[in-house]
Amino acid sequence: MWNYFKLTVWAIFWLMLLVVMIPFRKKRDNCLTWAQRKQDNEGGYLVIRWCRTSKVRWLRWPHFLWMSDNDEHCLQHYIPKEHAHTEKLLPRPWFDGVIKYGDKDKDEN
């Protein structure tokens, strides 16, 4: 129950942040906007989980992934190119990223 409450609080936070930050986007994405666009274009599922890397253990950010509806093993992430991005207390909302396939590395996203 506590996880659902935290996820709801973060969802409200992200919605408010997205409305304010959209004019400053500069053609960059984050994991949420990338996964939503991927789902709109190709179908499939939007997967939500907690980010596995964080500077403060009790402050975890939600992480959004996309999974194909034809092949449940086709899980894709959109993660920042620079690893230092994930170690910040408040990471930038928009970043240049790369697509990562699968979920094998437990400590990277």
PDB file of N, CA and C in Angstrom:
ATOM      1  N   MET A   1       0.823  -1.194   0.000  1.00  0.00           N
ATOM      2  CA  MET A   1       0.000   0.000   0.000  1.00  0.00           C
ATOM      3  C   MET A   1       0.869   1.260   0.000  1.00  0.00           C
ATOM      4  N   TRP A   2       1.954   1.232   0.764  1.00  0.00           N
ATOM      5  CA  TRP A   2       2.850   2.375   0.838  1.00  0.00           C
ATOM      6  C   TRP A   2       3.463   2.678  -0.529  1.00  0.00           C
ATOM      7  N   ASN A   3       3.808   1.638  -1.316  1.00  0.00           N
ATOM      8  CA  ASN A   3       4.387   1.853  -2.643  1.00  0.00           C
ATOM      9  C   ASN A   3       3.391   2.525  -3.577  1.00  0.00           C
ATOM     10  N   TYR A   4       2.122   2.167  -3.501  1.00  0.00           N
ATOM     11  CA  TYR A   4       1.110   2.810  -4.338  1.00  0.00           C
ATOM     12  C   TYR A   4       0.960   4.284  -3.976  1.00  0.00           C
ATOM     13  N   PHE A   5       1.029   4.594  -2.690  1.00  0.00           N
ATOM     14  CA  PHE A   5       0.951   5.981  -2.256  1.00  0.00           C
ATOM     15  C   PHE A   5       2.138   6.781  -2.793  1.00  0.00           C
ATOM     16  N   LYS A   6       3.357   6.220  -2.670  1.00  0.00           N
ATOM     17  CA  LYS A   6       4.542   6.906  -3.172  1.00  0.00           C
ATOM     18  C   LYS A   6       4.460   7.091  -4.686  1.00  0.00           C
ATOM     19  N   LEU A   7       3.995   6.079  -5.392  1.00  0.00           N
ATOM     20  CA  LEU A   7       3.874   6.172  -6.839  1.00  0.00           C
ATOM     21  C   LEU A   7       2.861   7.240  -7.231  1.00  0.00           C
ATOM     22  N   THR A   8       1.764   7.349  -6.493  1.00  0.00           N
ATOM     23  CA  THR A   8       0.753   8.371  -6.765  1.00  0.00           C
ATOM     24  C   THR A   8       1.319   9.770  -6.532  1.00  0.00           C
ATOM     25  N   VAL A   9       2.057   9.931  -5.449  1.00  0.00           N
ATOM     26  CA  VAL A   9       2.672  11.233  -5.164  1.00  0.00           C
ATOM     27  C   VAL A   9       3.643  11.608  -6.270  1.00  0.00           C
ATOM     28  N   TRP A  10       4.472  10.653  -6.718  1.00  0.00           N
ATOM     29  CA  TRP A  10       5.412  10.947  -7.797  1.00  0.00           C
ATOM     30  C   TRP A  10       4.685  11.236  -9.103  1.00  0.00           C
ATOM     31  N   ALA A  11       3.588  10.542  -9.380  1.00  0.00           N
ATOM     32  CA  ALA A  11       2.828  10.797 -10.607  1.00  0.00           C
ATOM     33  C   ALA A  11       2.287  12.222 -10.619  1.00  0.00           C
ATOM     34  N   ILE A  12       1.762  12.671  -9.498  1.00  0.00           N
ATOM     35  CA  ILE A  12       1.259  14.049  -9.404  1.00  0.00           C
ATOM     36  C   ILE A  12       2.414  15.032  -9.573  1.00  0.00           C
ATOM     37  N   PHE A  13       3.553  14.740  -8.933  1.00  0.00           N
ATOM     38  CA  PHE A  13       4.731  15.597  -9.055  1.00  0.00           C
ATOM     39  C   PHE A  13       5.180  15.700 -10.505  1.00  0.00           C
ATOM     40  N   TRP A  14       5.272  14.549 -11.208  1.00  0.00           N
ATOM     41  CA  TRP A  14       5.721  14.544 -12.597  1.00  0.00           C
ATOM     42  C   TRP A  14       4.750  15.284 -13.500  1.00  0.00           C
ATOM     43  N   LEU A  15       3.450  15.133 -13.276  1.00  0.00           N
ATOM     44  CA  LEU A  15       2.481  15.841 -14.114  1.00  0.00           C
ATOM     45  C   LEU A  15       2.632  17.354 -13.968  1.00  0.00           C
ATOM     46  N   MET A  16       2.801  17.816 -12.742  1.00  0.00           N
ATOM     47  CA  MET A  16       3.009  19.252 -12.542  1.00  0.00           C
ATOM     48  C   MET A  16       4.326  19.699 -13.161  1.00  0.00           C
ATOM     49  N   LEU A  17       5.364  18.902 -13.013  1.00  0.00           N
ATOM     50  CA  LEU A  17       6.665  19.239 -13.570  1.00  0.00           C
ATOM     51  C   LEU A  17       6.634  19.250 -15.094  1.00  0.00           C
ATOM     52  N   LEU A  18       5.960  18.296 -15.705  1.00  0.00           N
ATOM     53  CA  LEU A  18       5.897  18.233 -17.162  1.00  0.00           C
ATOM     54  C   LEU A  18       5.208  19.461 -17.744  1.00  0.00           C
ATOM     55  N   VAL A  19       4.137  19.910 -17.118  1.00  0.00           N
ATOM     56  CA  VAL A  19       3.419  21.088 -17.612  1.00  0.00           C
ATOM     57  C   VAL A  19       4.314  22.317 -17.581  1.00  0.00           C
ATOM     58  N   VAL A  20       5.112  22.444 -16.538  1.00  0.00           N
ATOM     59  CA  VAL A  20       5.993  23.598 -16.406  1.00  0.00           C
ATOM     60  C   VAL A  20       7.204  23.480 -17.319  1.00  0.00           C
ATOM     61  N   MET A  21       7.752  22.281 -17.491  1.00  0.00           N
ATOM     62  CA  MET A  21       9.022  22.106 -18.187  1.00  0.00           C
ATOM     63  C   MET A  21       8.911  21.874 -19.694  1.00  0.00           C
ATOM     64  N   ILE A  22       7.729  21.636 -20.234  1.00  0.00           N
ATOM     65  CA  ILE A  22       7.603  21.339 -21.667  1.00  0.00           C
ATOM     66  C   ILE A  22       8.209  22.440 -22.545  1.00  0.00           C
ATOM     67  N   PRO A  23       8.020  23.733 -22.246  1.00  0.00           N
ATOM     68  CA  PRO A  23       8.654  24.745 -23.110  1.00  0.00           C
ATOM     69  C   PRO A  23      10.184  24.696 -23.101  1.00  0.00           C
ATOM     70  N   PHE A  24      10.808  24.105 -22.085  1.00  0.00           N
ATOM     71  CA  PHE A  24      12.264  24.068 -21.974  1.00  0.00           C
ATOM     72  C   PHE A  24      12.861  22.737 -22.439  1.00  0.00           C
ATOM     73  N   ARG A  25      12.086  21.943 -23.106  1.00  0.00           N
ATOM     74  CA  ARG A  25      12.480  20.574 -23.435  1.00  0.00           C
ATOM     75  C   ARG A  25      13.646  20.482 -24.413  1.00  0.00           C
ATOM     76  N   LYS A  26      13.706  21.307 -25.445  1.00  0.00           N
ATOM     77  CA  LYS A  26      14.792  21.336 -26.432  1.00  0.00           C
ATOM     78  C   LYS A  26      14.994  19.987 -27.121  1.00  0.00           C
ATOM     79  N   LYS A  27      13.941  19.361 -27.542  1.00  0.00           N
ATOM     80  CA  LYS A  27      13.978  18.101 -28.308  1.00  0.00           C
ATOM     81  C   LYS A  27      14.676  16.966 -27.571  1.00  0.00           C
ATOM     82  N   ARG A  28      14.561  16.937 -26.264  1.00  0.00           N
ATOM     83  CA  ARG A  28      15.092  15.838 -25.465  1.00  0.00           C
ATOM     84  C   ARG A  28      13.928  15.073 -24.865  1.00  0.00           C
ATOM     85  N   ASP A  29      14.218  13.908 -24.343  1.00  0.00           N
ATOM     86  CA  ASP A  29      13.190  13.068 -23.731  1.00  0.00           C
ATOM     87  C   ASP A  29      13.615  12.675 -22.334  1.00  0.00           C
ATOM     88  N   ASN A  30      12.711  12.019 -21.647  1.00  0.00           N
ATOM     89  CA  ASN A  30      13.025  11.288 -20.432  1.00  0.00           C
ATOM     90  C   ASN A  30      12.363   9.928 -20.584  1.00  0.00           C
ATOM     91  N   CYS A  31      12.507   9.067 -19.607  1.00  0.00           N
ATOM     92  CA  CYS A  31      11.989   7.707 -19.763  1.00  0.00           C
ATOM     93  C   CYS A  31      10.464   7.696 -19.918  1.00  0.00           C
ATOM     94  N   LEU A  32       9.760   8.630 -19.280  1.00  0.00           N
ATOM     95  CA  LEU A  32       8.295   8.680 -19.381  1.00  0.00           C
ATOM     96  C   LEU A  32       7.836   9.108 -20.759  1.00  0.00           C
ATOM     97  N   THR A  33       8.354  10.202 -21.290  1.00  0.00           N
ATOM     98  CA  THR A  33       7.904  10.681 -22.599  1.00  0.00           C
ATOM     99  C   THR A  33       8.303   9.703 -23.708  1.00  0.00           C
ATOM    100  N   TRP A  34       9.489   9.093 -23.568  1.00  0.00           N
ATOM    101  CA  TRP A  34       9.921   8.120 -24.571  1.00  0.00           C
ATOM    102  C   TRP A  34       9.009   6.885 -24.570  1.00  0.00           C
ATOM    103  N   ALA A  35       8.710   6.348 -23.382  1.00  0.00           N
ATOM    104  CA  ALA A  35       7.870   5.149 -23.284  1.00  0.00           C
ATOM    105  C   ALA A  35       6.441   5.429 -23.744  1.00  0.00           C
ATOM    106  N   GLN A  36       5.913   6.605 -23.448  1.00  0.00           N
ATOM    107  CA  GLN A  36       4.561   6.943 -23.909  1.00  0.00           C
ATOM    108  C   GLN A  36       4.504   7.056 -25.421  1.00  0.00           C
ATOM    109  N   ARG A  37       5.505   7.695 -26.031  1.00  0.00           N
ATOM    110  CA  ARG A  37       5.526   7.808 -27.482  1.00  0.00           C
ATOM    111  C   ARG A  37       5.669   6.436 -28.138  1.00  0.00           C
ATOM    112  N   LYS A  38       6.514   5.595 -27.555  1.00  0.00           N
ATOM    113  CA  LYS A  38       6.715   4.242 -28.080  1.00  0.00           C
ATOM    114  C   LYS A  38       5.404   3.439 -28.010  1.00  0.00           C
ATOM    115  N   GLN A  39       4.671   3.582 -26.902  1.00  0.00           N
ATOM    116  CA  GLN A  39       3.400   2.878 -26.751  1.00  0.00           C
ATOM    117  C   GLN A  39       2.352   3.414 -27.736  1.00  0.00           C
ATOM    118  N   ASP A  40       2.322   4.715 -27.952  1.00  0.00           N
ATOM    119  CA  ASP A  40       1.383   5.290 -28.914  1.00  0.00           C
ATOM    120  C   ASP A  40       1.666   4.829 -30.335  1.00  0.00           C
ATOM    121  N   ASN A  41       2.933   4.732 -30.707  1.00  0.00           N
ATOM    122  CA  ASN A  41       3.301   4.361 -32.074  1.00  0.00           C
ATOM    123  C   ASN A  41       3.235   2.863 -32.341  1.00  0.00           C
ATOM    124  N   GLU A  42       3.649   2.051 -31.368  1.00  0.00           N
ATOM    125  CA  GLU A  42       3.784   0.617 -31.609  1.00  0.00           C
ATOM    126  C   GLU A  42       2.880  -0.252 -30.754  1.00  0.00           C
ATOM    127  N   GLY A  43       2.093   0.341 -29.862  1.00  0.00           N
ATOM    128  CA  GLY A  43       1.282  -0.461 -28.941  1.00  0.00           C
ATOM    129  C   GLY A  43       2.159  -0.985 -27.826  1.00  0.00           C
ATOM    130  N   GLY A  44       1.772  -2.072 -27.242  1.00  0.00           N
ATOM    131  CA  GLY A  44       2.566  -2.667 -26.176  1.00  0.00           C
ATOM    132  C   GLY A  44       2.139  -2.165 -24.813  1.00  0.00           C
ATOM    133  N   TYR A  45       3.055  -2.290 -23.854  1.00  0.00           N
ATOM    134  CA  TYR A  45       2.742  -1.979 -22.466  1.00  0.00           C
ATOM    135  C   TYR A  45       3.702  -0.941 -21.904  1.00  0.00           C
ATOM    136  N   LEU A  46       3.184  -0.093 -21.039  1.00  0.00           N
ATOM    137  CA  LEU A  46       3.996   0.842 -20.284  1.00  0.00           C
ATOM    138  C   LEU A  46       4.261   0.205 -18.930  1.00  0.00           C
ATOM    139  N   VAL A  47       5.521  -0.021 -18.613  1.00  0.00           N
ATOM    140  CA  VAL A  47       5.919  -0.682 -17.373  1.00  0.00           C
ATOM    141  C   VAL A  47       6.501   0.373 -16.437  1.00  0.00           C
ATOM    142  N   ILE A  48       6.056   0.375 -15.187  1.00  0.00           N
ATOM    143  CA  ILE A  48       6.527   1.344 -14.208  1.00  0.00           C
ATOM    144  C   ILE A  48       7.182   0.589 -13.061  1.00  0.00           C
ATOM    145  N   ARG A  49       8.342   1.073 -12.652  1.00  0.00           N
ATOM    146  CA  ARG A  49       9.025   0.501 -11.493  1.00  0.00           C
ATOM    147  C   ARG A  49       9.872   1.598 -10.864  1.00  0.00           C
ATOM    148  N   TRP A  50      10.507   1.300  -9.742  1.00  0.00           N
ATOM    149  CA  TRP A  50      11.385   2.257  -9.092  1.00  0.00           C
ATOM    150  C   TRP A  50      12.764   2.181  -9.718  1.00  0.00           C
ATOM    151  N   CYS A  51      13.394   3.320  -9.876  1.00  0.00           N
ATOM    152  CA  CYS A  51      14.761   3.382 -10.382  1.00  0.00           C
ATOM    153  C   CYS A  51      15.685   2.659  -9.404  1.00  0.00           C
ATOM    154  N   ARG A  52      16.619   1.924  -9.918  1.00  0.00           N
ATOM    155  CA  ARG A  52      17.493   1.121  -9.059  1.00  0.00           C
ATOM    156  C   ARG A  52      18.754   1.857  -8.633  1.00  0.00           C
ATOM    157  N   THR A  53      18.986   3.031  -9.184  1.00  0.00           N
ATOM    158  CA  THR A  53      20.138   3.818  -8.766  1.00  0.00           C
ATOM    159  C   THR A  53      19.639   5.138  -8.225  1.00  0.00           C
ATOM    160  N   SER A  54      20.183   5.536  -7.116  1.00  0.00           N
ATOM    161  CA  SER A  54      19.793   6.789  -6.494  1.00  0.00           C
ATOM    162  C   SER A  54      20.879   7.213  -5.527  1.00  0.00           C
ATOM    163  N   LYS A  55      21.047   8.507  -5.388  1.00  0.00           N
ATOM    164  CA  LYS A  55      22.055   9.010  -4.462  1.00  0.00           C
ATOM    165  C   LYS A  55      21.607   8.802  -3.019  1.00  0.00           C
ATOM    166  N   VAL A  56      20.323   8.964  -2.764  1.00  0.00           N
ATOM    167  CA  VAL A  56      19.765   8.771  -1.435  1.00  0.00           C
ATOM    168  C   VAL A  56      18.876   7.529  -1.485  1.00  0.00           C
ATOM    169  N   ARG A  57      19.117   6.580  -0.622  1.00  0.00           N
ATOM    170  CA  ARG A  57      18.438   5.283  -0.685  1.00  0.00           C
ATOM    171  C   ARG A  57      16.918   5.392  -0.540  1.00  0.00           C
ATOM    172  N   TRP A  58      16.434   6.270   0.330  1.00  0.00           N
ATOM    173  CA  TRP A  58      14.997   6.362   0.584  1.00  0.00           C
ATOM    174  C   TRP A  58      14.272   7.241  -0.431  1.00  0.00           C
ATOM    175  N   LEU A  59      15.003   7.960  -1.289  1.00  0.00           N
ATOM    176  CA  LEU A  59      14.398   8.809  -2.313  1.00  0.00           C
ATOM    177  C   LEU A  59      14.627   8.161  -3.667  1.00  0.00           C
ATOM    178  N   ARG A  60      13.666   7.389  -4.116  1.00  0.00           N
ATOM    179  CA  ARG A  60      13.795   6.705  -5.396  1.00  0.00           C
ATOM    180  C   ARG A  60      12.836   7.322  -6.401  1.00  0.00           C
ATOM    181  N   TRP A  61      13.314   7.477  -7.625  1.00  0.00           N
ATOM    182  CA  TRP A  61      12.500   8.028  -8.701  1.00  0.00           C
ATOM    183  C   TRP A  61      11.793   6.897  -9.443  1.00  0.00           C
ATOM    184  N   PRO A  62      10.598   7.146  -9.960  1.00  0.00           N
ATOM    185  CA  PRO A  62       9.961   6.130 -10.802  1.00  0.00           C
ATOM    186  C   PRO A  62      10.690   6.035 -12.145  1.00  0.00           C
ATOM    187  N   HIS A  63      10.724   4.849 -12.711  1.00  0.00           N
ATOM    188  CA  HIS A  63      11.361   4.604 -14.001  1.00  0.00           C
ATOM    189  C   HIS A  63      10.341   3.940 -14.904  1.00  0.00           C
ATOM    190  N   PHE A  64      10.227   4.421 -16.135  1.00  0.00           N
ATOM    191  CA  PHE A  64       9.230   3.930 -17.080  1.00  0.00           C
ATOM    192  C   PHE A  64       9.913   3.178 -18.203  1.00  0.00           C
ATOM    193  N   LEU A  65       9.374   2.012 -18.535  1.00  0.00           N
ATOM    194  CA  LEU A  65       9.927   1.146 -19.566  1.00  0.00           C
ATOM    195  C   LEU A  65       8.819   0.810 -20.556  1.00  0.00           C
ATOM    196  N   TRP A  66       9.200   0.287 -21.700  1.00  0.00           N
ATOM    197  CA  TRP A  66       8.228  -0.158 -22.692  1.00  0.00           C
ATOM    198  C   TRP A  66       8.459  -1.633 -22.977  1.00  0.00           C
ATOM    199  N   MET A  67       7.336  -2.381 -23.104  1.00  0.00           N
ATOM    200  CA  MET A  67       7.420  -3.807 -23.411  1.00  0.00           C
ATOM    201  C   MET A  67       6.476  -4.113 -24.564  1.00  0.00           C
ATOM    202  N   SER A  68       6.949  -4.885 -25.509  1.00  0.00           N
ATOM    203  CA  SER A  68       6.167  -5.273 -26.675  1.00  0.00           C
ATOM    204  C   SER A  68       5.025  -6.202 -26.261  1.00  0.00           C
ATOM    205  N   ASP A  69       3.865  -6.059 -26.920  1.00  0.00           N
ATOM    206  CA  ASP A  69       2.759  -6.956 -26.601  1.00  0.00           C
ATOM    207  C   ASP A  69       2.879  -8.294 -27.320  1.00  0.00           C
ATOM    208  N   ASN A  70       3.736  -8.373 -28.341  1.00  0.00           N
ATOM    209  CA  ASN A  70       3.948  -9.635 -29.059  1.00  0.00           C
ATOM    210  C   ASN A  70       4.989 -10.519 -28.388  1.00  0.00           C
ATOM    211  N   ASP A  71       5.953  -9.898 -27.767  1.00  0.00           N
ATOM    212  CA  ASP A  71       7.055 -10.649 -27.147  1.00  0.00           C
ATOM    213  C   ASP A  71       7.336 -10.050 -25.778  1.00  0.00           C
ATOM    214  N   GLU A  72       6.925 -10.737 -24.727  1.00  0.00           N
ATOM    215  CA  GLU A  72       7.091 -10.187 -23.378  1.00  0.00           C
ATOM    216  C   GLU A  72       8.551 -10.114 -22.943  1.00  0.00           C
ATOM    217  N   HIS A  73       9.465 -10.680 -23.705  1.00  0.00           N
ATOM    218  CA  HIS A  73      10.886 -10.597 -23.373  1.00  0.00           C
ATOM    219  C   HIS A  73      11.529  -9.364 -24.006  1.00  0.00           C
ATOM    220  N   CYS A  74      10.774  -8.621 -24.803  1.00  0.00           N
ATOM    221  CA  CYS A  74      11.290  -7.415 -25.460  1.00  0.00           C
ATOM    222  C   CYS A  74      11.003  -6.209 -24.568  1.00  0.00           C
ATOM    223  N   LEU A  75      11.865  -5.983 -23.590  1.00  0.00           N
ATOM    224  CA  LEU A  75      11.745  -4.869 -22.657  1.00  0.00           C
ATOM    225  C   LEU A  75      12.803  -3.835 -23.016  1.00  0.00           C
ATOM    226  N   GLN A  76      12.383  -2.568 -23.153  1.00  0.00           N
ATOM    227  CA  GLN A  76      13.310  -1.517 -23.546  1.00  0.00           C
ATOM    228  C   GLN A  76      13.256  -0.365 -22.553  1.00  0.00           C
ATOM    229  N   HIS A  77      14.430   0.200 -22.244  1.00  0.00           N
ATOM    230  CA  HIS A  77      14.573   1.353 -21.367  1.00  0.00           C
ATOM    231  C   HIS A  77      15.077   2.526 -22.187  1.00  0.00           C
ATOM    232  N   TYR A  78      14.827   3.714 -21.701  1.00  0.00           N
ATOM    233  CA  TYR A  78      15.489   4.914 -22.214  1.00  0.00           C
ATOM    234  C   TYR A  78      16.265   5.486 -21.040  1.00  0.00           C
ATOM    235  N   ILE A  79      17.585   5.411 -21.105  1.00  0.00           N
ATOM    236  CA  ILE A  79      18.426   5.826 -19.978  1.00  0.00           C
ATOM    237  C   ILE A  79      19.397   6.915 -20.431  1.00  0.00           C
ATOM    238  N   PRO A  80      19.886   7.733 -19.500  1.00  0.00           N
ATOM    239  CA  PRO A  80      20.829   8.797 -19.873  1.00  0.00           C
ATOM    240  C   PRO A  80      22.154   8.246 -20.384  1.00  0.00           C
ATOM    241  N   LYS A  81      22.757   8.985 -21.306  1.00  0.00           N
ATOM    242  CA  LYS A  81      24.071   8.591 -21.818  1.00  0.00           C
ATOM    243  C   LYS A  81      25.123   8.682 -20.727  1.00  0.00           C
ATOM    244  N   GLU A  82      25.037   9.720 -19.904  1.00  0.00           N
ATOM    245  CA  GLU A  82      26.033   9.897 -18.852  1.00  0.00           C
ATOM    246  C   GLU A  82      25.547   9.254 -17.563  1.00  0.00           C
ATOM    247  N   HIS A  83      26.390   8.458 -16.966  1.00  0.00           N
ATOM    248  CA  HIS A  83      26.017   7.746 -15.740  1.00  0.00           C
ATOM    249  C   HIS A  83      25.894   8.691 -14.549  1.00  0.00           C
ATOM    250  N   ALA A  84      26.576   9.827 -14.591  1.00  0.00           N
ATOM    251  CA  ALA A  84      26.533  10.781 -13.477  1.00  0.00           C
ATOM    252  C   ALA A  84      25.131  11.358 -13.291  1.00  0.00           C
ATOM    253  N   HIS A  85      24.310  11.312 -14.331  1.00  0.00           N
ATOM    254  CA  HIS A  85      22.932  11.819 -14.246  1.00  0.00           C
ATOM    255  C   HIS A  85      22.130  11.082 -13.173  1.00  0.00           C
ATOM    256  N   THR A  86      22.316   9.793 -13.065  1.00  0.00           N
ATOM    257  CA  THR A  86      21.522   9.000 -12.127  1.00  0.00           C
ATOM    258  C   THR A  86      21.984   9.142 -10.689  1.00  0.00           C
ATOM    259  N   GLU A  87      23.164   9.689 -10.471  1.00  0.00           N
ATOM    260  CA  GLU A  87      23.680   9.811  -9.117  1.00  0.00           C
ATOM    261  C   GLU A  87      23.360  11.158  -8.471  1.00  0.00           C
ATOM    262  N   LYS A  88      22.612  12.011  -9.155  1.00  0.00           N
ATOM    263  CA  LYS A  88      22.244  13.307  -8.608  1.00  0.00           C
ATOM    264  C   LYS A  88      21.004  13.164  -7.734  1.00  0.00           C
ATOM    265  N   LEU A  89      20.890  14.042  -6.747  1.00  0.00           N
ATOM    266  CA  LEU A  89      19.717  14.030  -5.893  1.00  0.00           C
ATOM    267  C   LEU A  89      18.472  14.399  -6.688  1.00  0.00           C
ATOM    268  N   LEU A  90      18.554  15.440  -7.501  1.00  0.00           N
ATOM    269  CA  LEU A  90      17.463  15.846  -8.392  1.00  0.00           C
ATOM    270  C   LEU A  90      17.979  15.814  -9.830  1.00  0.00           C
ATOM    271  N   PRO A  91      17.786  14.711 -10.524  1.00  0.00           N
ATOM    272  CA  PRO A  91      18.287  14.622 -11.900  1.00  0.00           C
ATOM    273  C   PRO A  91      17.509  15.551 -12.827  1.00  0.00           C
ATOM    274  N   ARG A  92      18.123  15.907 -13.929  1.00  0.00           N
ATOM    275  CA  ARG A  92      17.457  16.769 -14.907  1.00  0.00           C
ATOM    276  C   ARG A  92      16.240  16.040 -15.483  1.00  0.00           C
ATOM    277  N   PRO A  93      15.138  16.758 -15.711  1.00  0.00           N
ATOM    278  CA  PRO A  93      13.945  16.091 -16.234  1.00  0.00           C
ATOM    279  C   PRO A  93      14.063  15.677 -17.697  1.00  0.00           C
ATOM    280  N   TRP A  94      14.920  16.335 -18.491  1.00  0.00           N
ATOM    281  CA  TRP A  94      15.111  15.984 -19.897  1.00  0.00           C
ATOM    282  C   TRP A  94      16.587  15.691 -20.107  1.00  0.00           C
ATOM    283  N   PHE A  95      16.899  14.662 -20.885  1.00  0.00           N
ATOM    284  CA  PHE A  95      18.299  14.301 -21.096  1.00  0.00           C
ATOM    285  C   PHE A  95      18.462  13.623 -22.445  1.00  0.00           C
ATOM    286  N   ASP A  96      19.707  13.586 -22.920  1.00  0.00           N
ATOM    287  CA  ASP A  96      20.057  12.804 -24.107  1.00  0.00           C
ATOM    288  C   ASP A  96      20.288  11.383 -23.636  1.00  0.00           C
ATOM    289  N   GLY A  97      19.624  10.444 -24.275  1.00  0.00           N
ATOM    290  CA  GLY A  97      19.718   9.081 -23.788  1.00  0.00           C
ATOM    291  C   GLY A  97      19.959   8.052 -24.868  1.00  0.00           C
ATOM    292  N   VAL A  98      20.062   6.828 -24.424  1.00  0.00           N
ATOM    293  CA  VAL A  98      20.219   5.673 -25.305  1.00  0.00           C
ATOM    294  C   VAL A  98      19.170   4.637 -24.921  1.00  0.00           C
ATOM    295  N   ILE A  99      18.857   3.787 -25.853  1.00  0.00           N
ATOM    296  CA  ILE A  99      17.892   2.716 -25.603  1.00  0.00           C
ATOM    297  C   ILE A  99      18.656   1.490 -25.135  1.00  0.00           C
ATOM    298  N   LYS A 100      18.211   0.922 -24.040  1.00  0.00           N
ATOM    299  CA  LYS A 100      18.827  -0.285 -23.492  1.00  0.00           C
ATOM    300  C   LYS A 100      17.799  -1.411 -23.615  1.00  0.00           C
ATOM    301  N   TYR A 101      18.234  -2.557 -24.074  1.00  0.00           N
ATOM    302  CA  TYR A 101      17.340  -3.698 -24.273  1.00  0.00           C
ATOM    303  C   TYR A 101      17.495  -4.691 -23.138  1.00  0.00           C
ATOM    304  N   GLY A 102      16.395  -5.204 -22.637  1.00  0.00           N
ATOM    305  CA  GLY A 102      16.427  -6.193 -21.578  1.00  0.00           C
ATOM    306  C   GLY A 102      16.589  -5.553 -20.220  1.00  0.00           C
ATOM    307  N   ASP A 103      16.666  -6.412 -19.204  1.00  0.00           N
ATOM    308  CA  ASP A 103      16.758  -5.935 -17.827  1.00  0.00           C
ATOM    309  C   ASP A 103      17.755  -6.780 -17.046  1.00  0.00           C
ATOM    310  N   LYS A 104      18.889  -7.058 -17.638  1.00  0.00           N
ATOM    311  CA  LYS A 104      19.859  -7.950 -17.015  1.00  0.00           C
ATOM    312  C   LYS A 104      20.692  -7.270 -15.950  1.00  0.00           C
ATOM    313  N   ASP A 105      21.144  -6.024 -16.202  1.00  0.00           N
ATOM    314  CA  ASP A 105      21.986  -5.313 -15.243  1.00  0.00           C
ATOM    315  C   ASP A 105      21.097  -4.730 -14.140  1.00  0.00           C
ATOM    316  N   LYS A 106      21.272  -5.183 -12.946  1.00  0.00           N
ATOM    317  CA  LYS A 106      20.400  -4.771 -11.849  1.00  0.00           C
ATOM    318  C   LYS A 106      20.743  -3.408 -11.278  1.00  0.00           C
ATOM    319  N   ASP A 107      21.907  -2.874 -11.587  1.00  0.00           N
ATOM    320  CA  ASP A 107      22.289  -1.623 -10.967  1.00  0.00           C
ATOM    321  C   ASP A 107      22.420  -0.476 -11.956  1.00  0.00           C
ATOM    322  N   GLU A 108      21.807  -0.577 -13.121  1.00  0.00           N
ATOM    323  CA  GLU A 108      21.961   0.497 -14.090  1.00  0.00           C
ATOM    324  C   GLU A 108      20.621   0.856 -14.684  1.00  0.00           C
ATOM    325  N   ASN A 109      20.242   2.130 -14.600  1.00  0.00           N
ATOM    326  CA  ASN A 109      19.107   2.736 -15.309  1.00  0.00           C
ATOM    327  C   ASN A 109      18.923   4.129 -14.874  1.00  0.00           C
TER     328      ASN A 109
END
